[in-house]
C-alpha atoms as a PDB file:
ATOM      1  CA  MET A   1      14.971 -63.411-118.535  1.00  0.00           C
ATOM      2  CA  THR A   2      11.767 -62.742-116.549  1.00  0.00           C
ATOM      3  CA  THR A   3      10.396 -65.667-114.649  1.00  0.00           C
ATOM      4  CA  ALA A   4       6.709 -66.573-114.506  1.00  0.00           C
ATOM      5  CA  ALA A   5       6.688 -65.903-110.775  1.00  0.00           C
ATOM      6  CA  ALA A   6       8.033 -62.381-111.277  1.00  0.00           C
ATOM      7  CA  THR A   7       5.399 -61.465-113.849  1.00  0.00           C
ATOM      8  CA  ARG A   8       2.501 -63.040-112.006  1.00  0.00           C
ATOM      9  CA  GLU A   9       0.112 -60.430-110.607  1.00  0.00           C
ATOM     10  CA  PRO A  10      -0.970 -60.619-106.955  1.00  0.00           C
ATOM     11  CA  ALA A  11      -3.952 -62.876-106.501  1.00  0.00           C
ATOM     12  CA  ALA A  12      -7.247 -61.089-105.982  1.00  0.00           C
ATOM     13  CA  PRO A  13      -9.022 -61.742-102.680  1.00  0.00           C
ATOM     14  CA  PRO A  14     -11.681 -64.446-102.782  1.00  0.00           C
ATOM     15  CA  LEU A  15     -15.115 -63.243-103.871  1.00  0.00           C
ATOM     16  CA  TRP A  16     -16.574 -64.075-100.470  1.00  0.00           C
ATOM     17  CA  SER A  17     -13.692 -63.197 -98.168  1.00  0.00           C
ATOM     18  CA  THR A  18     -14.358 -62.523 -94.492  1.00  0.00           C
ATOM     19  CA  ASP A  19     -14.264 -58.747 -95.026  1.00  0.00           C
ATOM     20  CA  ARG A  20     -16.733 -58.905 -97.902  1.00  0.00           C
ATOM     21  CA  TRP A  21     -19.074 -61.061 -95.851  1.00  0.00           C
ATOM     22  CA  ARG A  22     -18.868 -58.526 -93.037  1.00  0.00           C
ATOM     23  CA  TRP A  23     -19.728 -55.587 -95.277  1.00  0.00           C
ATOM     24  CA  ALA A  24     -22.533 -57.489 -96.995  1.00  0.00           C
ATOM     25  CA  LEU A  25     -24.075 -58.434 -93.652  1.00  0.00           C
ATOM     26  CA  LEU A  26     -23.590 -54.897 -92.338  1.00  0.00           C
ATOM     27  CA  ALA A  27     -25.486 -53.557 -95.355  1.00  0.00           C
ATOM     28  CA  ALA A  28     -28.271 -56.096 -94.743  1.00  0.00           C
ATOM     29  CA  THR A  29     -28.397 -55.085 -91.065  1.00  0.00           C
ATOM     30  CA  ALA A  30     -28.613 -51.401 -91.985  1.00  0.00           C
ATOM     31  CA  LEU A  31     -31.490 -52.174 -94.373  1.00  0.00           C
ATOM     32  CA  LEU A  32     -33.382 -54.114 -91.678  1.00  0.00           C
ATOM     33  CA  LEU A  33     -32.896 -51.286 -89.182  1.00  0.00           C
ATOM     34  CA  ALA A  34     -34.105 -48.770 -91.776  1.00  0.00           C
ATOM     35  CA  VAL A  35     -37.372 -50.611 -92.462  1.00  0.00           C
ATOM     36  CA  PHE A  36     -37.953 -51.613 -88.821  1.00  0.00           C
ATOM     37  CA  PRO A  37     -39.934 -48.472 -87.830  1.00  0.00           C
ATOM     38  CA  PHE A  38     -42.268 -48.983 -90.791  1.00  0.00           C
ATOM     39  CA  VAL A  39     -43.073 -52.682 -90.252  1.00  0.00           C
ATOM     40  CA  ALA A  40     -42.780 -53.108 -86.462  1.00  0.00           C
ATOM     41  CA  THR A  41     -45.504 -52.627 -83.877  1.00  0.00           C
ATOM     42  CA  ALA A  42     -44.663 -51.199 -80.469  1.00  0.00           C
ATOM     43  CA  PRO A  43     -45.947 -52.950 -77.314  1.00  0.00           C
ATOM     44  CA  ALA A  44     -48.661 -51.145 -75.346  1.00  0.00           C
ATOM     45  CA  VAL A  45     -51.569 -51.783 -72.970  1.00  0.00           C
ATOM     46  CA  LEU A  46     -55.287 -51.203 -73.383  1.00  0.00           C
ATOM     47  CA  GLY A  47     -55.130 -48.179 -71.093  1.00  0.00           C
ATOM     48  CA  ASP A  48     -52.839 -46.442 -73.604  1.00  0.00           C
ATOM     49  CA  LEU A  49     -55.510 -46.842 -76.264  1.00  0.00           C
ATOM     50  CA  ASP A  50     -58.206 -45.553 -73.900  1.00  0.00           C
ATOM     51  CA  ASP A  51     -56.213 -42.354 -73.377  1.00  0.00           C
ATOM     52  CA  ALA A  52     -55.602 -41.949 -77.117  1.00  0.00           C
ATOM     53  CA  VAL A  53     -59.315 -42.391 -77.907  1.00  0.00           C
ATOM     54  CA  ARG A  54     -60.268 -39.805 -75.276  1.00  0.00           C
ATOM     55  CA  ASP A  55     -57.954 -37.144 -76.694  1.00  0.00           C
ATOM     56  CA  GLY A  56     -58.898 -37.939 -80.302  1.00  0.00           C
ATOM     57  CA  SER A  57     -55.464 -39.209 -81.364  1.00  0.00           C
ATOM     58  CA  VAL A  58     -56.954 -42.497 -82.590  1.00  0.00           C
ATOM     59  CA  THR A  59     -60.072 -42.885 -84.719  1.00  0.00           C
ATOM     60  CA  ARG A  60     -59.571 -46.429 -86.069  1.00  0.00           C
ATOM     61  CA  VAL A  61     -58.481 -49.673 -84.413  1.00  0.00           C
ATOM     62  CA  THR A  62     -58.206 -53.330 -85.381  1.00  0.00           C
ATOM     63  CA  VAL A  63     -59.283 -56.075 -82.977  1.00  0.00           C
ATOM     64  CA  THR A  64     -57.841 -59.514 -83.664  1.00  0.00           C
ATOM     65  CA  ASP A  65     -59.492 -62.703 -82.394  1.00  0.00           C
ATOM     66  CA  PRO A  66     -61.992 -61.275 -79.877  1.00  0.00           C
ATOM     67  CA  LEU A  67     -63.924 -63.754 -77.736  1.00  0.00           C
ATOM     68  CA  GLY A  68     -67.464 -64.078 -79.113  1.00  0.00           C
ATOM     69  CA  PRO A  69     -70.517 -63.276 -76.967  1.00  0.00           C
ATOM     70  CA  GLU A  70     -71.568 -66.942 -76.815  1.00  0.00           C
ATOM     71  CA  ALA A  71     -68.068 -68.352 -76.335  1.00  0.00           C
ATOM     72  CA  ASN A  72     -66.909 -70.096 -73.176  1.00  0.00           C
ATOM     73  CA  GLY A  73     -63.358 -70.265 -71.879  1.00  0.00           C
ATOM     74  CA  PHE A  74     -60.617 -67.733 -72.463  1.00  0.00           C
ATOM     75  CA  ALA A  75     -58.706 -66.173 -75.326  1.00  0.00           C
ATOM     76  CA  THR A  76     -56.183 -63.416 -75.952  1.00  0.00           C
ATOM     77  CA  ALA A  77     -57.263 -60.683 -78.317  1.00  0.00           C
ATOM     78  CA  GLN A  78     -54.963 -58.118 -79.826  1.00  0.00           C
ATOM     79  CA  VAL A  79     -55.903 -54.496 -80.389  1.00  0.00           C
ATOM     80  CA  THR A  80     -53.742 -52.534 -82.829  1.00  0.00           C
ATOM     81  CA  TRP A  81     -53.807 -48.876 -83.750  1.00  0.00           C
ATOM     82  CA  ARG A  82     -51.580 -46.140 -85.129  1.00  0.00           C
ATOM     83  CA  GLU A  83     -50.753 -43.152 -82.965  1.00  0.00           C
ATOM     84  CA  HIS A  84     -48.551 -40.255 -84.092  1.00  0.00           C
ATOM     85  CA  GLY A  85     -47.302 -42.375 -86.982  1.00  0.00           C
ATOM     86  CA  VAL A  86     -46.281 -45.335 -84.805  1.00  0.00           C
ATOM     87  CA  ALA A  87     -48.117 -48.672 -84.922  1.00  0.00           C
ATOM     88  CA  ARG A  88     -48.978 -49.955 -81.431  1.00  0.00           C
ATOM     89  CA  ALA A  89     -50.559 -53.150 -80.127  1.00  0.00           C
ATOM     90  CA  ALA A  90     -52.053 -54.269 -76.819  1.00  0.00           C
ATOM     91  CA  GLU A  91     -52.925 -57.814 -75.841  1.00  0.00           C
ATOM     92  CA  VAL A  92     -56.146 -58.248 -73.866  1.00  0.00           C
ATOM     93  CA  ARG A  93     -56.907 -61.466 -72.010  1.00  0.00           C
ATOM     94  CA  GLN A  94     -60.585 -62.353 -72.251  1.00  0.00           C
ATOM     95  CA  VAL A  95     -62.272 -64.805 -69.879  1.00  0.00           C
ATOM     96  CA  SER A  96     -65.942 -65.707 -70.252  1.00  0.00           C
ATOM     97  CA  ASP A  97     -68.029 -64.958 -67.164  1.00  0.00           C
ATOM     98  CA  ALA A  98     -71.032 -67.277 -66.867  1.00  0.00           C
ATOM     99  CA  THR A  99     -72.567 -65.254 -63.998  1.00  0.00           C
ATOM    100  CA  THR A 100     -72.940 -62.102 -66.077  1.00  0.00           C
ATOM    101  CA  GLY A 101     -73.009 -63.490 -69.594  1.00  0.00           C
ATOM    102  CA  GLY A 102     -70.125 -61.250 -70.512  1.00  0.00           C
ATOM    103  CA  THR A 103     -66.342 -61.319 -70.731  1.00  0.00           C
ATOM    104  CA  VAL A 104     -63.822 -60.202 -68.131  1.00  0.00           C
ATOM    105  CA  LEU A 105     -61.085 -58.118 -69.733  1.00  0.00           C
ATOM    106  CA  SER A 106     -57.565 -57.679 -68.391  1.00  0.00           C
ATOM    107  CA  ASP A 107     -54.727 -55.784 -70.063  1.00  0.00           C
ATOM    108  CA  GLY A 108     -52.027 -57.015 -67.703  1.00  0.00           C
ATOM    109  CA  THR A 109     -51.929 -53.820 -65.611  1.00  0.00           C
ATOM    110  CA  ASP A 110     -53.340 -52.999 -62.209  1.00  0.00           C
ATOM    111  CA  ARG A 111     -56.378 -51.358 -63.795  1.00  0.00           C
ATOM    112  CA  ALA A 112     -59.703 -52.835 -62.682  1.00  0.00           C
ATOM    113  CA  THR A 113     -61.069 -55.528 -64.948  1.00  0.00           C
ATOM    114  CA  GLU A 114     -64.557 -55.137 -66.302  1.00  0.00           C
ATOM    115  CA  VAL A 115     -67.211 -57.175 -68.018  1.00  0.00           C
ATOM    116  CA  GLY A 116     -67.977 -56.826 -71.704  1.00  0.00           C
ATOM    117  CA  SER A 117     -66.443 -57.416 -75.111  1.00  0.00           C
ATOM    118  CA  VAL A 118     -63.322 -55.629 -76.293  1.00  0.00           C
ATOM    119  CA  VAL A 119     -65.393 -53.688 -78.820  1.00  0.00           C
ATOM    120  CA  ASP A 120     -67.953 -52.713 -76.177  1.00  0.00           C
ATOM    121  CA  HIS A 121     -65.161 -51.515 -73.935  1.00  0.00           C
ATOM    122  CA  LEU A 122     -63.782 -49.259 -76.660  1.00  0.00           C
ATOM    123  CA  ARG A 123     -67.240 -47.914 -77.508  1.00  0.00           C
ATOM    124  CA  ALA A 124     -67.763 -46.982 -73.840  1.00  0.00           C
ATOM    125  CA  VAL A 125     -64.624 -44.831 -73.722  1.00  0.00           C
ATOM    126  CA  PRO A 126     -65.463 -41.106 -74.164  1.00  0.00           C
ATOM    127  CA  GLY A 127     -64.993 -40.445 -77.883  1.00  0.00           C
ATOM    128  CA  GLY A 128     -65.229 -44.127 -78.715  1.00  0.00           C
ATOM    129  CA  GLU A 129     -68.760 -43.962 -80.095  1.00  0.00           C
ATOM    130  CA  SER A 130     -67.362 -42.753 -83.437  1.00  0.00           C
ATOM    131  CA  LEU A 131     -64.390 -45.124 -83.399  1.00  0.00           C
ATOM    132  CA  VAL A 132     -63.993 -47.329 -86.483  1.00  0.00           C
ATOM    133  CA  VAL A 133     -63.353 -50.894 -85.303  1.00  0.00           C
ATOM    134  CA  ASP A 134     -62.176 -53.614 -87.692  1.00  0.00           C
ATOM    135  CA  VAL A 135     -62.437 -57.214 -86.438  1.00  0.00           C
ATOM    136  CA  VAL A 136     -60.054 -59.645 -88.149  1.00  0.00           C
ATOM    137  CA  ASP A 137     -58.556 -63.110 -87.663  1.00  0.00           C
ATOM    138  CA  ARG A 138     -55.006 -63.456 -86.406  1.00  0.00           C
ATOM    139  CA  HIS A 139     -52.235 -63.627 -88.998  1.00  0.00           C
ATOM    140  CA  GLY A 140     -48.660 -64.808 -88.660  1.00  0.00           C
ATOM    141  CA  GLY A 141     -46.033 -62.695 -86.979  1.00  0.00           C
ATOM    142  CA  ALA A 142     -43.122 -62.740 -84.557  1.00  0.00           C
ATOM    143  CA  SER A 143     -41.590 -60.739 -81.730  1.00  0.00           C
ATOM    144  CA  PHE A 144     -38.279 -58.936 -82.094  1.00  0.00           C
ATOM    145  CA  ALA A 145     -36.847 -57.206 -78.986  1.00  0.00           C
ATOM    146  CA  GLY A 146     -40.399 -56.869 -77.651  1.00  0.00           C
ATOM    147  CA  TRP A 147     -41.817 -55.403 -80.860  1.00  0.00           C
ATOM    148  CA  GLN A 148     -44.099 -57.323 -83.205  1.00  0.00           C
ATOM    149  CA  VAL A 149     -42.713 -57.769 -86.698  1.00  0.00           C
ATOM    150  CA  PRO A 150     -43.749 -59.672 -89.849  1.00  0.00           C
ATOM    151  CA  THR A 151     -42.493 -63.221 -90.220  1.00  0.00           C
ATOM    152  CA  TRP A 152     -40.290 -62.256 -93.198  1.00  0.00           C
ATOM    153  CA  PHE A 153     -38.495 -59.638 -91.085  1.00  0.00           C
ATOM    154  CA  MET A 154     -37.817 -62.121 -88.282  1.00  0.00           C
ATOM    155  CA  THR A 155     -36.552 -64.690 -90.776  1.00  0.00           C
ATOM    156  CA  ALA A 156     -34.178 -62.181 -92.387  1.00  0.00           C
ATOM    157  CA  ALA A 157     -32.908 -61.028 -88.983  1.00  0.00           C
ATOM    158  CA  LEU A 158     -32.317 -64.640 -87.904  1.00  0.00           C
ATOM    159  CA  VAL A 159     -30.322 -65.370 -91.060  1.00  0.00           C
ATOM    160  CA  VAL A 160     -28.132 -62.285 -90.496  1.00  0.00           C
ATOM    161  CA  TRP A 161     -27.607 -63.275 -86.853  1.00  0.00           C
ATOM    162  CA  LEU A 162     -26.620 -66.858 -87.737  1.00  0.00           C
ATOM    163  CA  LEU A 163     -24.207 -65.724 -90.448  1.00  0.00           C
ATOM    164  CA  THR A 164     -22.690 -63.235 -88.008  1.00  0.00           C
ATOM    165  CA  LEU A 165     -22.133 -66.049 -85.499  1.00  0.00           C
ATOM    166  CA  ALA A 166     -20.410 -68.003 -88.279  1.00  0.00           C
ATOM    167  CA  LEU A 167     -18.055 -65.067 -88.834  1.00  0.00           C
ATOM    168  CA  VAL A 168     -17.358 -64.841 -85.107  1.00  0.00           C
ATOM    169  CA  ALA A 169     -16.302 -68.499 -85.205  1.00  0.00           C
ATOM    170  CA  GLY A 170     -14.177 -67.906 -88.314  1.00  0.00           C
ATOM    171  CA  PRO A 171     -10.816 -66.141 -88.586  1.00  0.00           C
ATOM    172  CA  GLU A 172      -9.647 -64.487 -85.353  1.00  0.00           C
ATOM    173  CA  PRO A 173     -11.637 -61.229 -85.092  1.00  0.00           C
ATOM    174  CA  TRP A 174     -10.224 -57.820 -84.260  1.00  0.00           C
ATOM    175  CA  ARG A 175     -10.668 -55.789 -81.054  1.00  0.00           C
ATOM    176  CA  GLY A 176     -11.923 -58.814 -79.151  1.00  0.00           C
ATOM    177  CA  THR A 177     -11.428 -62.562 -78.963  1.00  0.00           C
ATOM    178  CA  ARG A 178     -13.919 -64.989 -80.485  1.00  0.00           C
ATOM    179  CA  TRP A 179     -15.421 -65.614 -77.050  1.00  0.00           C
ATOM    180  CA  ALA A 180     -15.730 -61.898 -76.344  1.00  0.00           C
ATOM    181  CA  TRP A 181     -17.690 -61.283 -79.522  1.00  0.00           C
ATOM    182  CA  PHE A 182     -19.688 -64.487 -78.981  1.00  0.00           C
ATOM    183  CA  TRP A 183     -20.977 -63.305 -75.596  1.00  0.00           C
ATOM    184  CA  PHE A 184     -21.985 -59.953 -77.076  1.00  0.00           C
ATOM    185  CA  VAL A 185     -23.729 -61.386 -80.153  1.00  0.00           C
ATOM    186  CA  PHE A 186     -25.426 -64.121 -78.084  1.00  0.00           C
ATOM    187  CA  SER A 187     -26.612 -61.674 -75.402  1.00  0.00           C
ATOM    188  CA  PRO A 188     -29.982 -59.867 -75.077  1.00  0.00           C
ATOM    189  CA  PHE A 189     -28.208 -56.882 -76.646  1.00  0.00           C
ATOM    190  CA  PHE A 190     -27.628 -58.704 -79.938  1.00  0.00           C
ATOM    191  CA  PHE A 191     -29.363 -55.936 -81.914  1.00  0.00           C
ATOM    192  CA  VAL A 192     -26.469 -53.639 -80.927  1.00  0.00           C
ATOM    193  CA  ALA A 193     -23.727 -56.269 -80.837  1.00  0.00           C
ATOM    194  CA  VAL A 194     -24.332 -57.609 -84.358  1.00  0.00           C
ATOM    195  CA  PRO A 195     -23.759 -54.296 -86.198  1.00  0.00           C
ATOM    196  CA  ALA A 196     -20.894 -53.507 -83.772  1.00  0.00           C
ATOM    197  CA  PHE A 197     -19.131 -56.756 -84.653  1.00  0.00           C
ATOM    198  CA  LEU A 198     -19.735 -56.352 -88.386  1.00  0.00           C
ATOM    199  CA  LEU A 199     -18.217 -52.859 -88.219  1.00  0.00           C
ATOM    200  CA  LEU A 200     -15.421 -53.388 -85.700  1.00  0.00           C
ATOM    201  CA  GLY A 201     -14.683 -57.121 -85.886  1.00  0.00           C
ATOM    202  CA  GLY A 202     -12.203 -56.679 -88.721  1.00  0.00           C
ATOM    203  CA  ARG A 203     -10.255 -54.145 -90.750  1.00  0.00           C
ATOM    204  CA  LEU A 204     -11.986 -50.815 -91.243  1.00  0.00           C
ATOM    205  CA  PRO A 205     -12.286 -49.372 -94.776  1.00  0.00           C
ATOM    206  CA  TRP A 206      -9.441 -46.932 -94.113  1.00  0.00           C
ATOM    207  CA  GLY A 207      -7.154 -49.760 -92.975  1.00  0.00           C
ATOM    208  CA  GLY A 208      -5.253 -49.937 -89.733  1.00  0.00           C
ATOM    209  CA  THR A 209      -3.231 -52.546 -87.885  1.00  0.00           C
ATOM    210  CA  GLU A 210      -4.930 -54.912 -85.490  1.00  0.00           C
ATOM    211  CA  PRO A 211      -3.886 -54.107 -81.884  1.00  0.00           C
ATOM    212  CA  ARG A 212      -4.063 -57.743 -80.783  1.00  0.00           C
ATOM    213  CA  VAL A 213      -2.475 -57.098 -77.399  1.00  0.00           C
ATOM    214  CA  ARG A 214      -5.421 -54.865 -76.441  1.00  0.00           C
ATOM    215  CA  ARG A 215      -8.256 -57.157 -77.470  1.00  0.00           C
ATOM    216  CA  LEU A 216     -11.177 -57.656 -75.103  1.00  0.00           C
ATOM    217  CA  THR A 217     -11.192 -61.132 -73.580  1.00  0.00           C
ATOM    218  CA  GLY A 218     -14.167 -63.485 -73.275  1.00  0.00           C
ATOM    219  CA  GLY A 219     -14.248 -63.276 -69.476  1.00  0.00           C
ATOM    220  CA  LYS A 220     -14.440 -59.490 -69.438  1.00  0.00           C
ATOM    221  CA  ALA A 221     -17.085 -59.497 -72.161  1.00  0.00           C
ATOM    222  CA  TRP A 222     -19.201 -61.970 -70.173  1.00  0.00           C
ATOM    223  CA  LEU A 223     -18.962 -59.781 -67.069  1.00  0.00           C
ATOM    224  CA  LEU A 224     -19.998 -56.729 -69.106  1.00  0.00           C
ATOM    225  CA  VAL A 225     -23.048 -58.583 -70.459  1.00  0.00           C
ATOM    226  CA  VAL A 226     -24.079 -59.745 -66.966  1.00  0.00           C
ATOM    227  CA  LEU A 227     -23.600 -56.245 -65.520  1.00  0.00           C
ATOM    228  CA  ALA A 228     -25.577 -54.615 -68.334  1.00  0.00           C
ATOM    229  CA  THR A 229     -28.376 -57.158 -67.934  1.00  0.00           C
ATOM    230  CA  VAL A 230     -28.620 -56.551 -64.170  1.00  0.00           C
ATOM    231  CA  VAL A 231     -28.573 -52.758 -64.550  1.00  0.00           C
ATOM    232  CA  LEU A 232     -30.910 -52.449 -67.529  1.00  0.00           C
ATOM    233  CA  ASP A 233     -33.440 -55.197 -66.711  1.00  0.00           C
ATOM    234  CA  PRO A 234     -35.277 -53.162 -64.006  1.00  0.00           C
ATOM    235  CA  LEU A 235     -35.536 -50.268 -66.469  1.00  0.00           C
ATOM    236  CA  GLY A 236     -37.383 -52.480 -68.960  1.00  0.00           C
END
């Protein structure tokens, strides 16, 4: 006589098991990385735009929140343009100059500042007389690893990051302790650490046995993060 236990089929894994969460978040991360080049704006300085206008690479720019000719005080304008298919943006600090009736511009470099509006500056660059300049008000946005991105992108990336941290704090991960993965995901290199954890923090699709005795410890991971920060920070 067959017992109920003998005929019972193995229970299916929960719909939202740790592995399924990892693969779902990895797919979301891959999607965000795929759209990033199309929605992000690379950081630049005003001098980069000057060079692009001179060689004819740029024929249209957008100036956001320029300081008006009658305004007093200071403001930060943003100049955006597209060069070789990549969106770029430079922030220009504007300070009203009562002695000249103009505006002192500074792009944060060691280039000499000058008096005049942002638009006047661009018009004075050789080739800038035919430049199309759109003046608009500032819209919402955020910064992601130094690049400007839409608010929706930053929100989606934050949700993925928080859910990844939740997985790190969940069942004991593979190839590293919880603290090891925590230091990586919480570090300035999170944009590399998050997909690395989602791919390597558990069983791979082709299986394999977890080599627990060879897992990276939290202390070693912290030292790696500190070393990478010290080495790479001067390069940035």
